[in-house]
Amino acid sequence: MNHNQNYYGVTLLVNHLIVDGGTYFLLLKYLSQAYEDPEYVPKSEPLFTIDFNKIDDFIAASFKKLSWKDKLLNSTSSIILICKMLVQNKNNWSSLECILTKEKLDLIKRKNQNLDNQEKVYSTNDALFEFLSVVPIKRFIFPGNLRYRNVGIPENYLGNADVFVSDLTKAESNYMLKHTDVRKSVNQFPLIYSLIPALNEDYIFHNSWVKLQNYSPSFGGKLILQKLFEFDDVPRKDLLSFAVKYSLIYKLTENKYFLMYINLKNVVSQVEKKLRNFGVEEMIIKALS
């Protein structure tokens, strides 16, 4: 238990094999219900259920569907990724950090939306993924939650039900990522990887915490939001030491979102220009250490 002059807090450390973001926010939900109602007990099902075999079976079935090239990529990606990080020349890489308001995110969504597909599901994250893709790429990657899908993993699964989903852009779109590509991949999960597939340079990885954070409960009327680090916190330097084409967004408050983007300098400058065109003035841009 930690405390200072303003609050008391409990820190819980659990191995990622049995906990992921979905588990974390579900646990917060249960704690909130128990805090607000001392008589609270689950009425119809246990708090959590777990069956590692279901995850293993799903991954194994997905692996069988891959081509031999993708199987090789999936099996060796961790070694290759580590080797690339060790020898990568970081002189041509930089990072961008900024705060986006909800109004700015809504504006990005409206500007990017394909009017011919208004009847289809189209999330702010779809639009942001496309917005951040400013140069042609062959592969895009994002973490996906297996809960809420018809794969035998229940919503209250206690375990790591996150997988990396990967898909390819289209030649007819000059390999520029479209939000329709993202939405199709979110719905179908075409390629499942145990680790990030980054054999070549034509990729982008995007990670969003916002959807999970939208379910963050209140404790005694005060909203508790996930906060990984501040602008001036030291831990982020560890993340920024890796030359990986990566973007991250998470919610700070109901109206403020933290965005981080890492890529080659010329790509980061293009993202910076797009953000400034949308009225974002304050940004922190640094070379990778």
C-alpha atoms as a PDB file:
ATOM      1  CA  MET A   1       0.000   0.000   0.000  1.00  0.00           C
ATOM      2  CA  ASN A   2       1.312   3.436  -0.972  1.00  0.00           C
ATOM      3  CA  HIS A   3       0.234   6.801   0.352  1.00  0.00           C
ATOM      4  CA  ASN A   4       1.049  10.491   0.303  1.00  0.00           C
ATOM      5  CA  GLN A   5      -0.737  13.594   1.530  1.00  0.00           C
ATOM      6  CA  ASN A   6      -3.535  13.248  -1.009  1.00  0.00           C
ATOM      7  CA  TYR A   7      -4.365   9.580  -1.399  1.00  0.00           C
ATOM      8  CA  TYR A   8      -3.855   5.954  -0.420  1.00  0.00           C
ATOM      9  CA  GLY A   9      -3.266   3.399  -3.150  1.00  0.00           C
ATOM     10  CA  VAL A  10      -2.802  -0.354  -3.443  1.00  0.00           C
ATOM     11  CA  THR A  11      -0.323  -1.706  -5.982  1.00  0.00           C
ATOM     12  CA  LEU A  12      -0.932  -5.182  -7.415  1.00  0.00           C
ATOM     13  CA  LEU A  13       1.717  -6.922  -9.541  1.00  0.00           C
ATOM     14  CA  VAL A  14       0.634  -9.974 -11.544  1.00  0.00           C
ATOM     15  CA  ASN A  15       2.438 -11.875 -14.293  1.00  0.00           C
ATOM     16  CA  HIS A  16       1.228 -10.885 -17.782  1.00  0.00           C
ATOM     17  CA  LEU A  17       0.553 -14.567 -18.559  1.00  0.00           C
ATOM     18  CA  ILE A  18      -2.540 -14.456 -16.343  1.00  0.00           C
ATOM     19  CA  VAL A  19      -3.508 -10.763 -16.550  1.00  0.00           C
ATOM     20  CA  ASP A  20      -3.972  -8.297 -19.401  1.00  0.00           C
ATOM     21  CA  GLY A  21      -5.717  -4.954 -19.876  1.00  0.00           C
ATOM     22  CA  GLY A  22      -9.139  -6.569 -20.025  1.00  0.00           C
ATOM     23  CA  THR A  23      -8.540  -8.386 -16.739  1.00  0.00           C
ATOM     24  CA  TYR A  24      -7.251  -5.203 -15.135  1.00  0.00           C
ATOM     25  CA  PHE A  25     -10.325  -3.111 -15.865  1.00  0.00           C
ATOM     26  CA  LEU A  26     -12.676  -5.978 -15.041  1.00  0.00           C
ATOM     27  CA  LEU A  27     -10.966  -6.271 -11.656  1.00  0.00           C
ATOM     28  CA  LEU A  28     -11.419  -2.508 -11.142  1.00  0.00           C
ATOM     29  CA  LYS A  29     -15.102  -2.933 -11.971  1.00  0.00           C
ATOM     30  CA  TYR A  30     -15.535  -5.659  -9.338  1.00  0.00           C
ATOM     31  CA  LEU A  31     -13.588  -3.655  -6.737  1.00  0.00           C
ATOM     32  CA  SER A  32     -15.733  -0.601  -7.443  1.00  0.00           C
ATOM     33  CA  GLN A  33     -18.955  -2.577  -7.033  1.00  0.00           C
ATOM     34  CA  ALA A  34     -17.713  -4.099  -3.772  1.00  0.00           C
ATOM     35  CA  TYR A  35     -16.597  -0.678  -2.502  1.00  0.00           C
ATOM     36  CA  GLU A  36     -19.934   0.996  -3.219  1.00  0.00           C
ATOM     37  CA  ASP A  37     -22.058  -1.958  -2.067  1.00  0.00           C
ATOM     38  CA  PRO A  38     -20.712  -3.975   0.912  1.00  0.00           C
ATOM     39  CA  GLU A  39     -23.360  -6.603   0.219  1.00  0.00           C
ATOM     40  CA  TYR A  40     -22.204  -7.055  -3.394  1.00  0.00           C
ATOM     41  CA  VAL A  41     -21.596 -10.617  -4.548  1.00  0.00           C
ATOM     42  CA  PRO A  42     -21.759 -11.960  -8.119  1.00  0.00           C
ATOM     43  CA  LYS A  43     -25.228 -13.388  -8.649  1.00  0.00           C
ATOM     44  CA  SER A  44     -24.854 -15.615 -11.711  1.00  0.00           C
ATOM     45  CA  GLU A  45     -21.207 -16.503 -12.345  1.00  0.00           C
ATOM     46  CA  PRO A  46     -17.789 -16.516 -10.659  1.00  0.00           C
ATOM     47  CA  LEU A  47     -15.723 -13.354 -10.706  1.00  0.00           C
ATOM     48  CA  PHE A  48     -13.212 -14.966 -13.048  1.00  0.00           C
ATOM     49  CA  THR A  49     -12.827 -18.170 -14.998  1.00  0.00           C
ATOM     50  CA  ILE A  50      -9.651 -19.507 -16.547  1.00  0.00           C
ATOM     51  CA  ASP A  51      -8.725 -22.263 -18.983  1.00  0.00           C
ATOM     52  CA  PHE A  52      -5.269 -21.911 -20.517  1.00  0.00           C
ATOM     53  CA  ASN A  53      -6.068 -24.733 -22.963  1.00  0.00           C
ATOM     54  CA  LYS A  54      -8.637 -22.549 -24.741  1.00  0.00           C
ATOM     55  CA  ILE A  55      -6.068 -19.853 -25.452  1.00  0.00           C
ATOM     56  CA  ASP A  56      -3.485 -22.444 -26.500  1.00  0.00           C
ATOM     57  CA  ASP A  57      -5.980 -24.153 -28.797  1.00  0.00           C
ATOM     58  CA  PHE A  58      -6.998 -20.853 -30.403  1.00  0.00           C
ATOM     59  CA  ILE A  59      -3.379 -19.817 -31.037  1.00  0.00           C
ATOM     60  CA  ALA A  60      -2.532 -23.286 -32.377  1.00  0.00           C
ATOM     61  CA  ALA A  61      -5.506 -23.225 -34.769  1.00  0.00           C
ATOM     62  CA  SER A  62      -4.555 -19.735 -35.957  1.00  0.00           C
ATOM     63  CA  PHE A  63      -0.949 -20.826 -36.464  1.00  0.00           C
ATOM     64  CA  LYS A  64      -2.051 -23.673 -38.738  1.00  0.00           C
ATOM     65  CA  LYS A  65      -3.748 -21.171 -41.062  1.00  0.00           C
ATOM     66  CA  LEU A  66      -0.544 -19.203 -41.651  1.00  0.00           C
ATOM     67  CA  SER A  67       1.628 -19.633 -44.723  1.00  0.00           C
ATOM     68  CA  TRP A  68       5.066 -21.134 -44.212  1.00  0.00           C
ATOM     69  CA  LYS A  69       6.589 -17.653 -44.497  1.00  0.00           C
ATOM     70  CA  ASP A  70       4.302 -16.313 -41.773  1.00  0.00           C
ATOM     71  CA  LYS A  71       4.978 -19.357 -39.599  1.00  0.00           C
ATOM     72  CA  LEU A  72       8.702 -18.696 -39.913  1.00  0.00           C
ATOM     73  CA  LEU A  73       8.148 -15.009 -39.160  1.00  0.00           C
ATOM     74  CA  ASN A  74       6.024 -15.830 -36.122  1.00  0.00           C
ATOM     75  CA  SER A  75       8.579 -18.285 -34.747  1.00  0.00           C
ATOM     76  CA  THR A  76      11.666 -16.123 -35.220  1.00  0.00           C
ATOM     77  CA  SER A  77      10.270 -12.596 -34.832  1.00  0.00           C
ATOM     78  CA  SER A  78      11.389 -12.176 -31.213  1.00  0.00           C
ATOM     79  CA  ILE A  79      15.028 -13.033 -31.996  1.00  0.00           C
ATOM     80  CA  ILE A  80      15.058 -10.880 -35.118  1.00  0.00           C
ATOM     81  CA  LEU A  81      13.388  -7.956 -33.340  1.00  0.00           C
ATOM     82  CA  ILE A  82      15.928  -8.017 -30.491  1.00  0.00           C
ATOM     83  CA  CYS A  83      18.831  -8.218 -32.939  1.00  0.00           C
ATOM     84  CA  LYS A  84      17.439  -5.288 -34.932  1.00  0.00           C
ATOM     85  CA  MET A  85      17.095  -3.207 -31.775  1.00  0.00           C
ATOM     86  CA  LEU A  86      20.722  -3.870 -30.847  1.00  0.00           C
ATOM     87  CA  VAL A  87      22.147  -2.855 -34.221  1.00  0.00           C
ATOM     88  CA  GLN A  88      19.586  -0.236 -35.281  1.00  0.00           C
ATOM     89  CA  ASN A  89      21.031   3.179 -36.105  1.00  0.00           C
ATOM     90  CA  LYS A  90      18.906   5.556 -34.032  1.00  0.00           C
ATOM     91  CA  ASN A  91      20.349   8.765 -35.470  1.00  0.00           C
ATOM     92  CA  ASN A  92      17.543   9.008 -38.001  1.00  0.00           C
ATOM     93  CA  TRP A  93      14.728   8.275 -35.529  1.00  0.00           C
ATOM     94  CA  SER A  94      12.688  10.581 -33.322  1.00  0.00           C
ATOM     95  CA  SER A  95       9.645  10.584 -31.090  1.00  0.00           C
ATOM     96  CA  LEU A  96       6.637  12.874 -30.794  1.00  0.00           C
ATOM     97  CA  GLU A  97       4.481  13.352 -27.702  1.00  0.00           C
ATOM     98  CA  CYS A  98       1.422  15.537 -27.339  1.00  0.00           C
ATOM     99  CA  ILE A  99      -1.941  15.915 -25.647  1.00  0.00           C
ATOM    100  CA  LEU A 100      -5.063  15.532 -27.800  1.00  0.00           C
ATOM    101  CA  THR A 101      -8.443  16.748 -26.615  1.00  0.00           C
ATOM    102  CA  LYS A 102     -11.596  14.787 -27.310  1.00  0.00           C
ATOM    103  CA  GLU A 103     -12.623  17.556 -29.689  1.00  0.00           C
ATOM    104  CA  LYS A 104      -9.436  17.034 -31.701  1.00  0.00           C
ATOM    105  CA  LEU A 105     -10.022  13.267 -31.860  1.00  0.00           C
ATOM    106  CA  ASP A 106     -13.594  13.831 -33.013  1.00  0.00           C
ATOM    107  CA  LEU A 107     -12.282  16.207 -35.691  1.00  0.00           C
ATOM    108  CA  ILE A 108      -9.795  13.588 -36.913  1.00  0.00           C
ATOM    109  CA  LYS A 109     -12.614  11.080 -37.097  1.00  0.00           C
ATOM    110  CA  ARG A 110     -14.873  13.398 -39.109  1.00  0.00           C
ATOM    111  CA  LYS A 111     -12.084  14.343 -41.525  1.00  0.00           C
ATOM    112  CA  ASN A 112     -11.031  10.758 -42.159  1.00  0.00           C
ATOM    113  CA  GLN A 113     -14.445   9.174 -42.436  1.00  0.00           C
ATOM    114  CA  ASN A 114     -15.411   7.698 -45.771  1.00  0.00           C
ATOM    115  CA  LEU A 115     -18.902   9.056 -46.410  1.00  0.00           C
ATOM    116  CA  ASP A 116     -19.779   6.018 -48.524  1.00  0.00           C
ATOM    117  CA  ASN A 117     -19.357   3.763 -45.487  1.00  0.00           C
ATOM    118  CA  GLN A 118     -21.294   5.685 -42.852  1.00  0.00           C
ATOM    119  CA  GLU A 119     -23.540   2.716 -42.167  1.00  0.00           C
ATOM    120  CA  LYS A 120     -20.564   0.610 -41.081  1.00  0.00           C
ATOM    121  CA  VAL A 121     -18.880   0.588 -37.678  1.00  0.00           C
ATOM    122  CA  TYR A 122     -16.183   3.238 -37.645  1.00  0.00           C
ATOM    123  CA  SER A 123     -14.330   4.025 -34.438  1.00  0.00           C
ATOM    124  CA  THR A 124     -12.160   6.953 -33.423  1.00  0.00           C
ATOM    125  CA  ASN A 125      -9.281   4.489 -33.164  1.00  0.00           C
ATOM    126  CA  ASP A 126      -9.809   3.424 -36.786  1.00  0.00           C
ATOM    127  CA  ALA A 127      -9.516   7.064 -37.833  1.00  0.00           C
ATOM    128  CA  LEU A 128      -6.480   7.721 -35.634  1.00  0.00           C
ATOM    129  CA  PHE A 129      -4.663   4.638 -36.971  1.00  0.00           C
ATOM    130  CA  GLU A 130      -5.212   5.904 -40.518  1.00  0.00           C
ATOM    131  CA  PHE A 131      -4.345   9.497 -39.552  1.00  0.00           C
ATOM    132  CA  LEU A 132      -0.945   8.418 -38.183  1.00  0.00           C
ATOM    133  CA  SER A 133      -0.097   6.418 -41.321  1.00  0.00           C
ATOM    134  CA  VAL A 134       1.463   9.116 -43.492  1.00  0.00           C
ATOM    135  CA  VAL A 135       3.741   7.005 -45.706  1.00  0.00           C
ATOM    136  CA  PRO A 136       3.129   3.752 -47.625  1.00  0.00           C
ATOM    137  CA  ILE A 137       3.449   0.615 -45.508  1.00  0.00           C
ATOM    138  CA  LYS A 138       2.944  -3.058 -46.221  1.00  0.00           C
ATOM    139  CA  ARG A 139       1.929  -4.308 -42.772  1.00  0.00           C
ATOM    140  CA  PHE A 140       0.008  -2.864 -39.827  1.00  0.00           C
ATOM    141  CA  ILE A 141      -0.178  -4.414 -36.374  1.00  0.00           C
ATOM    142  CA  PHE A 142      -2.325  -3.878 -33.288  1.00  0.00           C
ATOM    143  CA  PRO A 143      -3.162  -5.803 -30.085  1.00  0.00           C
ATOM    144  CA  GLY A 144      -6.579  -7.433 -30.044  1.00  0.00           C
ATOM    145  CA  ASN A 145      -8.737  -8.704 -27.182  1.00  0.00           C
ATOM    146  CA  LEU A 146     -10.112 -12.235 -27.718  1.00  0.00           C
ATOM    147  CA  ARG A 147     -12.923 -11.640 -25.233  1.00  0.00           C
ATOM    148  CA  TYR A 148     -16.364 -10.825 -26.661  1.00  0.00           C
ATOM    149  CA  ARG A 149     -15.558 -13.005 -29.697  1.00  0.00           C
ATOM    150  CA  ASN A 150     -16.886 -16.397 -30.652  1.00  0.00           C
ATOM    151  CA  VAL A 151     -13.619 -18.222 -29.918  1.00  0.00           C
ATOM    152  CA  GLY A 152     -14.551 -19.874 -26.620  1.00  0.00           C
ATOM    153  CA  ILE A 153     -12.958 -17.182 -24.419  1.00  0.00           C
ATOM    154  CA  PRO A 154     -15.551 -15.783 -21.955  1.00  0.00           C
ATOM    155  CA  GLU A 155     -15.740 -12.124 -20.999  1.00  0.00           C
ATOM    156  CA  ASN A 156     -14.630 -12.858 -17.428  1.00  0.00           C
ATOM    157  CA  TYR A 157     -11.579 -14.878 -18.524  1.00  0.00           C
ATOM    158  CA  LEU A 158      -8.733 -14.408 -16.023  1.00  0.00           C
ATOM    159  CA  GLY A 159      -5.697 -14.572 -18.223  1.00  0.00           C
ATOM    160  CA  ASN A 160      -3.825 -12.931 -21.054  1.00  0.00           C
ATOM    161  CA  ALA A 161      -6.331 -12.972 -23.905  1.00  0.00           C
ATOM    162  CA  ASP A 162      -4.466 -10.326 -25.917  1.00  0.00           C
ATOM    163  CA  VAL A 163      -2.936 -11.251 -29.268  1.00  0.00           C
ATOM    164  CA  PHE A 164      -1.113  -9.273 -31.939  1.00  0.00           C
ATOM    165  CA  VAL A 165      -3.205  -8.946 -35.080  1.00  0.00           C
ATOM    166  CA  SER A 166      -1.503  -8.172 -38.373  1.00  0.00           C
ATOM    167  CA  ASP A 167      -2.774  -7.415 -41.856  1.00  0.00           C
ATOM    168  CA  LEU A 168      -1.517  -6.023 -45.156  1.00  0.00           C
ATOM    169  CA  THR A 169      -2.389  -2.831 -46.994  1.00  0.00           C
ATOM    170  CA  LYS A 170      -3.571  -2.905 -50.614  1.00  0.00           C
ATOM    171  CA  ALA A 171      -1.573  -2.197 -53.758  1.00  0.00           C
ATOM    172  CA  GLU A 172      -4.554  -0.386 -55.294  1.00  0.00           C
ATOM    173  CA  SER A 173      -4.364   2.105 -52.419  1.00  0.00           C
ATOM    174  CA  ASN A 174      -0.622   2.583 -53.054  1.00  0.00           C
ATOM    175  CA  TYR A 175      -0.056   0.743 -49.755  1.00  0.00           C
ATOM    176  CA  MET A 176      -1.509   3.639 -47.770  1.00  0.00           C
ATOM    177  CA  LEU A 177      -3.456   2.425 -44.748  1.00  0.00           C
ATOM    178  CA  LYS A 178      -7.219   3.048 -44.853  1.00  0.00           C
ATOM    179  CA  HIS A 179      -9.560   2.905 -41.876  1.00  0.00           C
ATOM    180  CA  THR A 180     -11.607   0.343 -43.815  1.00  0.00           C
ATOM    181  CA  ASP A 181      -8.542  -1.929 -43.760  1.00  0.00           C
ATOM    182  CA  VAL A 182      -8.301  -1.515 -39.991  1.00  0.00           C
ATOM    183  CA  ARG A 183     -12.007  -2.174 -39.433  1.00  0.00           C
ATOM    184  CA  LYS A 184     -11.911  -5.314 -41.596  1.00  0.00           C
ATOM    185  CA  SER A 185      -8.964  -6.640 -39.589  1.00  0.00           C
ATOM    186  CA  VAL A 186     -10.640  -5.804 -36.262  1.00  0.00           C
ATOM    187  CA  ASN A 187     -13.668  -7.813 -37.355  1.00  0.00           C
ATOM    188  CA  GLN A 188     -11.860 -10.779 -38.893  1.00  0.00           C
ATOM    189  CA  PHE A 189      -8.490 -11.120 -37.095  1.00  0.00           C
ATOM    190  CA  PRO A 190      -6.805 -12.369 -40.307  1.00  0.00           C
ATOM    191  CA  LEU A 191      -3.306 -13.032 -38.904  1.00  0.00           C
ATOM    192  CA  ILE A 192      -2.521 -13.783 -35.260  1.00  0.00           C
ATOM    193  CA  TYR A 193       1.037 -13.504 -33.963  1.00  0.00           C
ATOM    194  CA  SER A 194       2.502 -14.347 -30.589  1.00  0.00           C
ATOM    195  CA  LEU A 195       5.057 -11.542 -31.016  1.00  0.00           C
ATOM    196  CA  ILE A 196       5.422  -8.421 -33.151  1.00  0.00           C
ATOM    197  CA  PRO A 197       6.282  -9.385 -36.746  1.00  0.00           C
ATOM    198  CA  ALA A 198       8.813  -6.773 -37.824  1.00  0.00           C
ATOM    199  CA  LEU A 199      11.137  -8.436 -40.321  1.00  0.00           C
ATOM    200  CA  ASN A 200      11.096  -5.515 -42.739  1.00  0.00           C
ATOM    201  CA  GLU A 201      10.790  -1.743 -42.405  1.00  0.00           C
ATOM    202  CA  ASP A 202       7.329  -1.426 -43.998  1.00  0.00           C
ATOM    203  CA  TYR A 203       5.130  -1.680 -40.905  1.00  0.00           C
ATOM    204  CA  ILE A 204       3.414   0.371 -38.203  1.00  0.00           C
ATOM    205  CA  PHE A 205       2.267  -0.771 -34.762  1.00  0.00           C
ATOM    206  CA  HIS A 206      -0.531   1.063 -32.961  1.00  0.00           C
ATOM    207  CA  ASN A 207      -1.673   0.458 -29.394  1.00  0.00           C
ATOM    208  CA  SER A 208      -4.793   2.092 -27.927  1.00  0.00           C
ATOM    209  CA  TRP A 209      -5.882   1.860 -24.302  1.00  0.00           C
ATOM    210  CA  VAL A 210      -8.881   4.113 -24.773  1.00  0.00           C
ATOM    211  CA  LYS A 211     -11.565   1.467 -25.318  1.00  0.00           C
ATOM    212  CA  LEU A 212     -10.559  -0.368 -22.149  1.00  0.00           C
ATOM    213  CA  GLN A 213     -10.303   2.889 -20.204  1.00  0.00           C
ATOM    214  CA  ASN A 214     -13.852   3.817 -21.198  1.00  0.00           C
ATOM    215  CA  TYR A 215     -14.979   1.044 -18.851  1.00  0.00           C
ATOM    216  CA  SER A 216     -12.917   2.283 -15.936  1.00  0.00           C
ATOM    217  CA  PRO A 217     -15.303   2.442 -12.944  1.00  0.00           C
ATOM    218  CA  SER A 218     -15.711   5.116 -10.293  1.00  0.00           C
ATOM    219  CA  PHE A 219     -14.745   4.690  -6.656  1.00  0.00           C
ATOM    220  CA  GLY A 220     -16.930   6.751  -4.351  1.00  0.00           C
ATOM    221  CA  GLY A 221     -17.867   9.056  -7.214  1.00  0.00           C
ATOM    222  CA  LYS A 222     -14.270   9.796  -8.299  1.00  0.00           C
ATOM    223  CA  LEU A 223     -13.187   8.444 -11.668  1.00  0.00           C
ATOM    224  CA  ILE A 224      -9.902   6.545 -11.637  1.00  0.00           C
ATOM    225  CA  LEU A 225      -8.150   6.515 -15.021  1.00  0.00           C
ATOM    226  CA  GLN A 226      -5.138   4.532 -16.149  1.00  0.00           C
ATOM    227  CA  LYS A 227      -2.003   6.683 -16.294  1.00  0.00           C
ATOM    228  CA  LEU A 228       1.194   5.075 -17.542  1.00  0.00           C
ATOM    229  CA  PHE A 229       3.534   8.014 -17.214  1.00  0.00           C
ATOM    230  CA  GLU A 230       3.773  11.810 -17.251  1.00  0.00           C
ATOM    231  CA  PHE A 231       5.572  14.032 -19.750  1.00  0.00           C
ATOM    232  CA  ASP A 232       8.549  14.387 -17.393  1.00  0.00           C
ATOM    233  CA  ASP A 233       8.642  10.889 -15.922  1.00  0.00           C
ATOM    234  CA  VAL A 234      11.890   8.928 -16.250  1.00  0.00           C
ATOM    235  CA  PRO A 235      10.394   5.486 -17.224  1.00  0.00           C
ATOM    236  CA  ARG A 236       9.383   6.649 -20.707  1.00  0.00           C
ATOM    237  CA  LYS A 237      13.080   6.978 -21.610  1.00  0.00           C
ATOM    238  CA  ASP A 238      13.320   3.190 -21.617  1.00  0.00           C
ATOM    239  CA  LEU A 239      10.525   2.936 -24.183  1.00  0.00           C
ATOM    240  CA  LEU A 240      12.014   5.703 -26.311  1.00  0.00           C
ATOM    241  CA  SER A 241      15.338   3.889 -26.512  1.00  0.00           C
ATOM    242  CA  PHE A 242      13.861   1.352 -28.932  1.00  0.00           C
ATOM    243  CA  ALA A 243      13.757   2.136 -32.655  1.00  0.00           C
ATOM    244  CA  VAL A 244      10.361   0.580 -33.389  1.00  0.00           C
ATOM    245  CA  LYS A 245       7.654   2.154 -35.542  1.00  0.00           C
ATOM    246  CA  TYR A 246       5.088   2.506 -32.828  1.00  0.00           C
ATOM    247  CA  SER A 247       2.234   4.724 -31.650  1.00  0.00           C
ATOM    248  CA  LEU A 248       0.376   4.716 -28.350  1.00  0.00           C
ATOM    249  CA  ILE A 249      -2.677   6.575 -27.090  1.00  0.00           C
ATOM    250  CA  TYR A 250      -4.363   6.494 -23.693  1.00  0.00           C
ATOM    251  CA  LYS A 251      -6.749   8.658 -21.713  1.00  0.00           C
ATOM    252  CA  LEU A 252      -5.529  11.072 -19.033  1.00  0.00           C
ATOM    253  CA  THR A 253      -8.888  12.670 -18.183  1.00  0.00           C
ATOM    254  CA  GLU A 254     -12.365  12.707 -19.701  1.00  0.00           C
ATOM    255  CA  ASN A 255     -11.189  15.282 -22.244  1.00  0.00           C
ATOM    256  CA  LYS A 256      -7.433  14.727 -22.582  1.00  0.00           C
ATOM    257  CA  TYR A 257      -5.514  11.935 -24.281  1.00  0.00           C
ATOM    258  CA  PHE A 258      -1.779  11.272 -24.403  1.00  0.00           C
ATOM    259  CA  LEU A 259      -0.328  10.390 -27.830  1.00  0.00           C
ATOM    260  CA  MET A 260       3.179   9.089 -28.452  1.00  0.00           C
ATOM    261  CA  TYR A 261       4.594   8.364 -31.922  1.00  0.00           C
ATOM    262  CA  ILE A 262       8.027   6.862 -32.763  1.00  0.00           C
ATOM    263  CA  ASN A 263       9.352   6.564 -36.310  1.00  0.00           C
ATOM    264  CA  LEU A 264      11.960   7.839 -38.732  1.00  0.00           C
ATOM    265  CA  LYS A 265      12.490  11.591 -38.442  1.00  0.00           C
ATOM    266  CA  ASN A 266      10.950  12.438 -41.823  1.00  0.00           C
ATOM    267  CA  VAL A 267       7.839  10.406 -40.968  1.00  0.00           C
ATOM    268  CA  VAL A 268       7.507  12.012 -37.527  1.00  0.00           C
ATOM    269  CA  SER A 269       7.761  15.454 -39.151  1.00  0.00           C
ATOM    270  CA  GLN A 270       4.838  14.567 -41.443  1.00  0.00           C
ATOM    271  CA  VAL A 271       2.729  13.481 -38.467  1.00  0.00           C
ATOM    272  CA  GLU A 272       3.722  16.703 -36.703  1.00  0.00           C
ATOM    273  CA  LYS A 273       2.541  18.741 -39.702  1.00  0.00           C
ATOM    274  CA  LYS A 274      -0.817  16.935 -39.791  1.00  0.00           C
ATOM    275  CA  LEU A 275      -1.325  17.502 -36.064  1.00  0.00           C
ATOM    276  CA  ARG A 276      -0.504  21.207 -36.380  1.00  0.00           C
ATOM    277  CA  ASN A 277      -2.986  21.488 -39.252  1.00  0.00           C
ATOM    278  CA  PHE A 278      -5.583  20.153 -36.796  1.00  0.00           C
ATOM    279  CA  GLY A 279      -4.721  22.858 -34.293  1.00  0.00           C
ATOM    280  CA  VAL A 280      -2.387  20.918 -31.981  1.00  0.00           C
ATOM    281  CA  GLU A 281       0.232  23.448 -30.897  1.00  0.00           C
ATOM    282  CA  GLU A 282       2.169  21.934 -27.991  1.00  0.00           C
ATOM    283  CA  MET A 283       4.309  18.910 -28.923  1.00  0.00           C
ATOM    284  CA  ILE A 284       7.501  17.389 -27.590  1.00  0.00           C
ATOM    285  CA  ILE A 285       9.798  16.064 -30.339  1.00  0.00           C
ATOM    286  CA  LYS A 286      13.065  14.367 -29.430  1.00  0.00           C
ATOM    287  CA  ALA A 287      15.722  12.277 -31.111  1.00  0.00           C
ATOM    288  CA  LEU A 288      15.968   8.708 -29.886  1.00  0.00           C
ATOM    289  CA  SER A 289      18.750   8.239 -27.373  1.00  0.00           C
END
